[in-house]
């Protein structure tokens, strides 16, 4: 009984820590044009990273994503 409770507690803590780490991941989208950075943006949401990536492509740039 104690072992099962301990395993459940450890699993719960591990899942919550994993979520917290994912929530803090920062992505920078850099858009290069003619070999120079035309613009860069900081994002926390994967959807907004994707939107910025495709906006750069639509503007004729070469996007690069850097995660921290």
PDB file of N, CA and C in Angstrom:
ATOM      1  N   UNK A   1       0.828  -1.190   0.000  1.00  0.00           N
ATOM      2  CA  UNK A   1       0.000   0.000   0.000  1.00  0.00           C
ATOM      3  C   UNK A   1       0.873   1.253   0.000  1.00  0.00           C
ATOM      4  N   UNK A   2       1.865   1.305   0.868  1.00  0.00           N
ATOM      5  CA  UNK A   2       2.730   2.475   0.927  1.00  0.00           C
ATOM      6  C   UNK A   2       3.547   2.615  -0.351  1.00  0.00           C
ATOM      7  N   UNK A   3       3.981   1.484  -0.906  1.00  0.00           N
ATOM      8  CA  UNK A   3       4.787   1.513  -2.119  1.00  0.00           C
ATOM      9  C   UNK A   3       3.958   2.062  -3.293  1.00  0.00           C
ATOM     10  N   UNK A   4       2.710   1.626  -3.414  1.00  0.00           N
ATOM     11  CA  UNK A   4       1.843   2.096  -4.490  1.00  0.00           C
ATOM     12  C   UNK A   4       1.566   3.590  -4.349  1.00  0.00           C
ATOM     13  N   UNK A   5       1.359   4.045  -3.125  1.00  0.00           N
ATOM     14  CA  UNK A   5       1.114   5.463  -2.883  1.00  0.00           C
ATOM     15  C   UNK A   5       2.351   6.283  -3.227  1.00  0.00           C
ATOM     16  N   UNK A   6       3.507   5.786  -2.850  1.00  0.00           N
ATOM     17  CA  UNK A   6       4.755   6.478  -3.153  1.00  0.00           C
ATOM     18  C   UNK A   6       4.984   6.572  -4.664  1.00  0.00           C
ATOM     19  N   UNK A   7       4.735   5.484  -5.364  1.00  0.00           N
ATOM     20  CA  UNK A   7       4.909   5.477  -6.827  1.00  0.00           C
ATOM     21  C   UNK A   7       3.948   6.473  -7.471  1.00  0.00           C
ATOM     22  N   UNK A   8       2.718   6.493  -7.011  1.00  0.00           N
ATOM     23  CA  UNK A   8       1.736   7.432  -7.551  1.00  0.00           C
ATOM     24  C   UNK A   8       2.156   8.880  -7.295  1.00  0.00           C
ATOM     25  N   UNK A   9       2.656   9.149  -6.112  1.00  0.00           N
ATOM     26  CA  UNK A   9       3.093  10.496  -5.758  1.00  0.00           C
ATOM     27  C   UNK A   9       4.289  10.927  -6.608  1.00  0.00           C
ATOM     28  N   UNK A  10       5.252  10.041  -6.769  1.00  0.00           N
ATOM     29  CA  UNK A  10       6.428  10.351  -7.583  1.00  0.00           C
ATOM     30  C   UNK A  10       6.021  10.594  -9.034  1.00  0.00           C
ATOM     31  N   UNK A  11       5.111   9.791  -9.550  1.00  0.00           N
ATOM     32  CA  UNK A  11       4.628   9.972 -10.916  1.00  0.00           C
ATOM     33  C   UNK A  11       3.942  11.318 -11.077  1.00  0.00           C
ATOM     34  N   UNK A  12       3.116  11.682 -10.129  1.00  0.00           N
ATOM     35  CA  UNK A  12       2.410  12.954 -10.173  1.00  0.00           C
ATOM     36  C   UNK A  12       3.386  14.126 -10.145  1.00  0.00           C
ATOM     37  N   UNK A  13       4.372  14.076  -9.287  1.00  0.00           N
ATOM     38  CA  UNK A  13       5.370  15.143  -9.204  1.00  0.00           C
ATOM     39  C   UNK A  13       6.162  15.227 -10.502  1.00  0.00           C
ATOM     40  N   UNK A  14       6.557  14.095 -11.042  1.00  0.00           N
ATOM     41  CA  UNK A  14       7.327  14.084 -12.291  1.00  0.00           C
ATOM     42  C   UNK A  14       6.525  14.685 -13.435  1.00  0.00           C
ATOM     43  N   UNK A  15       5.255  14.377 -13.498  1.00  0.00           N
ATOM     44  CA  UNK A  15       4.409  14.928 -14.561  1.00  0.00           C
ATOM     45  C   UNK A  15       4.259  16.437 -14.413  1.00  0.00           C
ATOM     46  N   UNK A  16       4.088  16.923 -13.207  1.00  0.00           N
ATOM     47  CA  UNK A  16       3.909  18.353 -13.008  1.00  0.00           C
ATOM     48  C   UNK A  16       5.200  19.118 -13.272  1.00  0.00           C
ATOM     49  N   UNK A  17       6.343  18.555 -12.908  1.00  0.00           N
ATOM     50  CA  UNK A  17       7.621  19.199 -13.193  1.00  0.00           C
ATOM     51  C   UNK A  17       7.850  19.253 -14.694  1.00  0.00           C
ATOM     52  N   UNK A  18       7.520  18.192 -15.393  1.00  0.00           N
ATOM     53  CA  UNK A  18       7.664  18.151 -16.840  1.00  0.00           C
ATOM     54  C   UNK A  18       6.819  19.236 -17.493  1.00  0.00           C
ATOM     55  N   UNK A  19       5.597  19.429 -17.026  1.00  0.00           N
ATOM     56  CA  UNK A  19       4.721  20.462 -17.570  1.00  0.00           C
ATOM     57  C   UNK A  19       5.293  21.847 -17.317  1.00  0.00           C
ATOM     58  N   UNK A  20       5.834  22.063 -16.146  1.00  0.00           N
ATOM     59  CA  UNK A  20       6.406  23.365 -15.808  1.00  0.00           C
ATOM     60  C   UNK A  20       7.604  23.680 -16.690  1.00  0.00           C
ATOM     61  N   UNK A  21       8.415  22.687 -16.978  1.00  0.00           N
ATOM     62  CA  UNK A  21       9.575  22.900 -17.834  1.00  0.00           C
ATOM     63  C   UNK A  21       9.135  23.234 -19.248  1.00  0.00           C
ATOM     64  N   UNK A  22       8.158  22.525 -19.770  1.00  0.00           N
ATOM     65  CA  UNK A  22       7.653  22.802 -21.105  1.00  0.00           C
ATOM     66  C   UNK A  22       7.069  24.197 -21.189  1.00  0.00           C
ATOM     67  N   UNK A  23       6.384  24.633 -20.151  1.00  0.00           N
ATOM     68  CA  UNK A  23       5.747  25.942 -20.165  1.00  0.00           C
ATOM     69  C   UNK A  23       6.777  27.064 -20.206  1.00  0.00           C
ATOM     70  N   UNK A  24       7.971  26.822 -19.706  1.00  0.00           N
ATOM     71  CA  UNK A  24       8.990  27.854 -19.664  1.00  0.00           C
ATOM     72  C   UNK A  24       9.908  27.842 -20.876  1.00  0.00           C
ATOM     73  N   UNK A  25       9.735  26.909 -21.795  1.00  0.00           N
ATOM     74  CA  UNK A  25      10.590  26.846 -22.969  1.00  0.00           C
ATOM     75  C   UNK A  25      10.354  28.080 -23.831  1.00  0.00           C
ATOM     76  N   UNK A  26      11.426  28.746 -24.152  1.00  0.00           N
ATOM     77  CA  UNK A  26      11.352  29.944 -24.976  1.00  0.00           C
ATOM     78  C   UNK A  26      11.942  29.627 -26.342  1.00  0.00           C
ATOM     79  N   UNK A  27      11.262  30.068 -27.366  1.00  0.00           N
ATOM     80  CA  UNK A  27      11.758  29.897 -28.723  1.00  0.00           C
ATOM     81  C   UNK A  27      11.918  31.270 -29.361  1.00  0.00           C
ATOM     82  N   UNK A  28      13.041  31.452 -29.999  1.00  0.00           N
ATOM     83  CA  UNK A  28      13.271  32.675 -30.749  1.00  0.00           C
ATOM     84  C   UNK A  28      13.230  32.323 -32.226  1.00  0.00           C
ATOM     85  N   UNK A  29      12.439  33.071 -32.974  1.00  0.00           N
ATOM     86  CA  UNK A  29      12.377  32.896 -34.420  1.00  0.00           C
ATOM     87  C   UNK A  29      13.153  34.052 -35.023  1.00  0.00           C
ATOM     88  N   UNK A  30      14.203  33.711 -35.747  1.00  0.00           N
ATOM     89  CA  UNK A  30      14.998  34.722 -36.424  1.00  0.00           C
ATOM     90  C   UNK A  30      14.740  34.597 -37.919  1.00  0.00           C
ATOM     91  N   UNK A  31      14.492  35.712 -38.564  1.00  0.00           N
ATOM     92  CA  UNK A  31      14.222  35.716 -39.999  1.00  0.00           C
ATOM     93  C   UNK A  31      15.400  36.386 -40.707  1.00  0.00           C
ATOM     94  N   UNK A  32      16.107  35.607 -41.521  1.00  0.00           N
ATOM     95  CA  UNK A  32      17.272  36.113 -42.241  1.00  0.00           C
ATOM     96  C   UNK A  32      16.883  36.504 -43.658  1.00  0.00           C
ATOM     97  N   UNK A  33      17.343  37.675 -44.071  1.00  0.00           N
ATOM     98  CA  UNK A  33      17.189  38.119 -45.461  1.00  0.00           C
ATOM     99  C   UNK A  33      18.536  38.670 -45.904  1.00  0.00           C
ATOM    100  N   UNK A  34      18.988  38.242 -47.036  1.00  0.00           N
ATOM    101  CA  UNK A  34      20.302  38.613 -47.597  1.00  0.00           C
ATOM    102  C   UNK A  34      21.430  38.430 -46.585  1.00  0.00           C
ATOM    103  N   UNK A  35      21.354  37.338 -45.824  1.00  0.00           N
ATOM    104  CA  UNK A  35      22.409  36.992 -44.893  1.00  0.00           C
ATOM    105  C   UNK A  35      22.407  37.745 -43.574  1.00  0.00           C
ATOM    106  N   UNK A  36      21.414  38.618 -43.362  1.00  0.00           N
ATOM    107  CA  UNK A  36      21.334  39.389 -42.116  1.00  0.00           C
ATOM    108  C   UNK A  36      19.989  39.134 -41.453  1.00  0.00           C
ATOM    109  N   UNK A  37      19.945  39.323 -40.142  1.00  0.00           N
ATOM    110  CA  UNK A  37      18.692  39.153 -39.411  1.00  0.00           C
ATOM    111  C   UNK A  37      17.784  40.338 -39.723  1.00  0.00           C
ATOM    112  N   UNK A  38      16.656  40.055 -40.379  1.00  0.00           N
ATOM    113  CA  UNK A  38      15.686  41.103 -40.690  1.00  0.00           C
ATOM    114  C   UNK A  38      14.825  41.407 -39.474  1.00  0.00           C
ATOM    115  N   UNK A  39      14.429  40.352 -38.770  1.00  0.00           N
ATOM    116  CA  UNK A  39      13.660  40.513 -37.527  1.00  0.00           C
ATOM    117  C   UNK A  39      13.768  39.245 -36.708  1.00  0.00           C
ATOM    118  N   UNK A  40      13.460  39.388 -35.418  1.00  0.00           N
ATOM    119  CA  UNK A  40      13.434  38.233 -34.520  1.00  0.00           C
ATOM    120  C   UNK A  40      12.308  38.435 -33.519  1.00  0.00           C
ATOM    121  N   UNK A  41      11.746  37.323 -33.075  1.00  0.00           N
ATOM    122  CA  UNK A  41      10.639  37.371 -32.116  1.00  0.00           C
ATOM    123  C   UNK A  41      10.822  36.276 -31.076  1.00  0.00           C
ATOM    124  N   UNK A  42      10.352  36.552 -29.876  1.00  0.00           N
ATOM    125  CA  UNK A  42      10.395  35.601 -28.766  1.00  0.00           C
ATOM    126  C   UNK A  42       9.000  35.012 -28.586  1.00  0.00           C
ATOM    127  N   UNK A  43       8.926  33.677 -28.481  1.00  0.00           N
ATOM    128  CA  UNK A  43       7.630  33.007 -28.348  1.00  0.00           C
ATOM    129  C   UNK A  43       7.691  31.924 -27.270  1.00  0.00           C
ATOM    130  N   UNK A  44       6.536  31.697 -26.647  1.00  0.00           N
ATOM    131  CA  UNK A  44       6.395  30.637 -25.642  1.00  0.00           C
ATOM    132  C   UNK A  44       5.415  29.561 -26.089  1.00  0.00           C
ATOM    133  N   UNK A  45       4.670  29.832 -27.112  1.00  0.00           N
ATOM    134  CA  UNK A  45       3.624  28.947 -27.595  1.00  0.00           C
ATOM    135  C   UNK A  45       4.064  28.336 -28.933  1.00  0.00           C
ATOM    136  N   UNK A  46       4.012  27.003 -29.071  1.00  0.00           N
ATOM    137  CA  UNK A  46       4.429  26.370 -30.333  1.00  0.00           C
ATOM    138  C   UNK A  46       3.643  26.863 -31.550  1.00  0.00           C
ATOM    139  N   UNK A  47       2.376  27.192 -31.355  1.00  0.00           N
ATOM    140  CA  UNK A  47       1.574  27.681 -32.484  1.00  0.00           C
ATOM    141  C   UNK A  47       2.085  29.038 -32.976  1.00  0.00           C
ATOM    142  N   UNK A  48       2.441  29.921 -32.072  1.00  0.00           N
ATOM    143  CA  UNK A  48       2.934  31.232 -32.488  1.00  0.00           C
ATOM    144  C   UNK A  48       4.327  31.123 -33.121  1.00  0.00           C
ATOM    145  N   UNK A  49       5.111  30.132 -32.695  1.00  0.00           N
ATOM    146  CA  UNK A  49       6.401  29.878 -33.345  1.00  0.00           C
ATOM    147  C   UNK A  49       6.176  29.480 -34.795  1.00  0.00           C
ATOM    148  N   UNK A  50       5.227  28.592 -35.010  1.00  0.00           N
ATOM    149  CA  UNK A  50       4.912  28.135 -36.366  1.00  0.00           C
ATOM    150  C   UNK A  50       4.407  29.289 -37.222  1.00  0.00           C
ATOM    151  N   UNK A  51       3.571  30.137 -36.654  1.00  0.00           N
ATOM    152  CA  UNK A  51       3.045  31.287 -37.387  1.00  0.00           C
ATOM    153  C   UNK A  51       4.170  32.229 -37.807  1.00  0.00           C
ATOM    154  N   UNK A  52       5.088  32.518 -36.889  1.00  0.00           N
ATOM    155  CA  UNK A  52       6.218  33.393 -37.204  1.00  0.00           C
ATOM    156  C   UNK A  52       7.126  32.761 -38.256  1.00  0.00           C
ATOM    157  N   UNK A  53       7.324  31.454 -38.160  1.00  0.00           N
ATOM    158  CA  UNK A  53       8.150  30.733 -39.129  1.00  0.00           C
ATOM    159  C   UNK A  53       7.595  30.916 -40.544  1.00  0.00           C
ATOM    160  N   UNK A  54       6.298  30.668 -40.706  1.00  0.00           N
ATOM    161  CA  UNK A  54       5.696  30.773 -42.034  1.00  0.00           C
ATOM    162  C   UNK A  54       5.575  32.211 -42.507  1.00  0.00           C
ATOM    163  N   UNK A  55       5.451  33.160 -41.577  1.00  0.00           N
ATOM    164  CA  UNK A  55       5.429  34.571 -41.966  1.00  0.00           C
ATOM    165  C   UNK A  55       6.776  34.942 -42.565  1.00  0.00           C
ATOM    166  N   UNK A  56       7.866  34.455 -41.965  1.00  0.00           N
ATOM    167  CA  UNK A  56       9.194  34.721 -42.498  1.00  0.00           C
ATOM    168  C   UNK A  56       9.340  34.148 -43.905  1.00  0.00           C
ATOM    169  N   UNK A  57       8.879  32.918 -44.086  1.00  0.00           N
ATOM    170  CA  UNK A  57       8.952  32.279 -45.407  1.00  0.00           C
ATOM    171  C   UNK A  57       8.131  33.081 -46.424  1.00  0.00           C
ATOM    172  N   UNK A  58       6.931  33.511 -46.016  1.00  0.00           N
ATOM    173  CA  UNK A  58       6.077  34.296 -46.908  1.00  0.00           C
ATOM    174  C   UNK A  58       6.711  35.633 -47.283  1.00  0.00           C
ATOM    175  N   UNK A  59       7.516  36.180 -46.384  1.00  0.00           N
ATOM    176  CA  UNK A  59       8.187  37.456 -46.654  1.00  0.00           C
ATOM    177  C   UNK A  59       9.474  37.277 -47.456  1.00  0.00           C
ATOM    178  N   UNK A  60       9.786  36.036 -47.811  1.00  0.00           N
ATOM    179  CA  UNK A  60      10.979  35.770 -48.605  1.00  0.00           C
ATOM    180  C   UNK A  60      12.248  35.589 -47.791  1.00  0.00           C
ATOM    181  N   UNK A  61      12.094  35.309 -46.515  1.00  0.00           N
ATOM    182  CA  UNK A  61      13.257  35.135 -45.652  1.00  0.00           C
ATOM    183  C   UNK A  61      13.561  33.671 -45.387  1.00  0.00           C
ATOM    184  N   UNK A  62      14.631  33.463 -44.655  1.00  0.00           N
ATOM    185  CA  UNK A  62      15.044  32.123 -44.247  1.00  0.00           C
ATOM    186  C   UNK A  62      14.941  32.054 -42.727  1.00  0.00           C
ATOM    187  N   UNK A  63      13.918  31.353 -42.207  1.00  0.00           N
ATOM    188  CA  UNK A  63      13.722  31.327 -40.755  1.00  0.00           C
ATOM    189  C   UNK A  63      14.665  30.361 -40.039  1.00  0.00           C
ATOM    190  N   UNK A  64      14.999  30.717 -38.818  1.00  0.00           N
ATOM    191  CA  UNK A  64      15.781  29.853 -37.942  1.00  0.00           C
ATOM    192  C   UNK A  64      15.134  29.915 -36.570  1.00  0.00           C
ATOM    193  N   UNK A  65      14.944  28.739 -35.950  1.00  0.00           N
ATOM    194  CA  UNK A  65      14.330  28.672 -34.622  1.00  0.00           C
ATOM    195  C   UNK A  65      15.391  28.252 -33.619  1.00  0.00           C
ATOM    196  N   UNK A  66      15.502  29.013 -32.540  1.00  0.00           N
ATOM    197  CA  UNK A  66      16.453  28.722 -31.472  1.00  0.00           C
ATOM    198  C   UNK A  66      15.668  28.534 -30.189  1.00  0.00           C
ATOM    199  N   UNK A  67      15.871  27.393 -29.518  1.00  0.00           N
ATOM    200  CA  UNK A  67      15.159  27.093 -28.272  1.00  0.00           C
ATOM    201  C   UNK A  67      16.064  27.297 -27.072  1.00  0.00           C
ATOM    202  N   UNK A  68      15.488  27.855 -26.018  1.00  0.00           N
ATOM    203  CA  UNK A  68      16.196  28.024 -24.741  1.00  0.00           C
ATOM    204  C   UNK A  68      15.393  27.400 -23.646  1.00  0.00           C
TER     205      UNK A  68
END
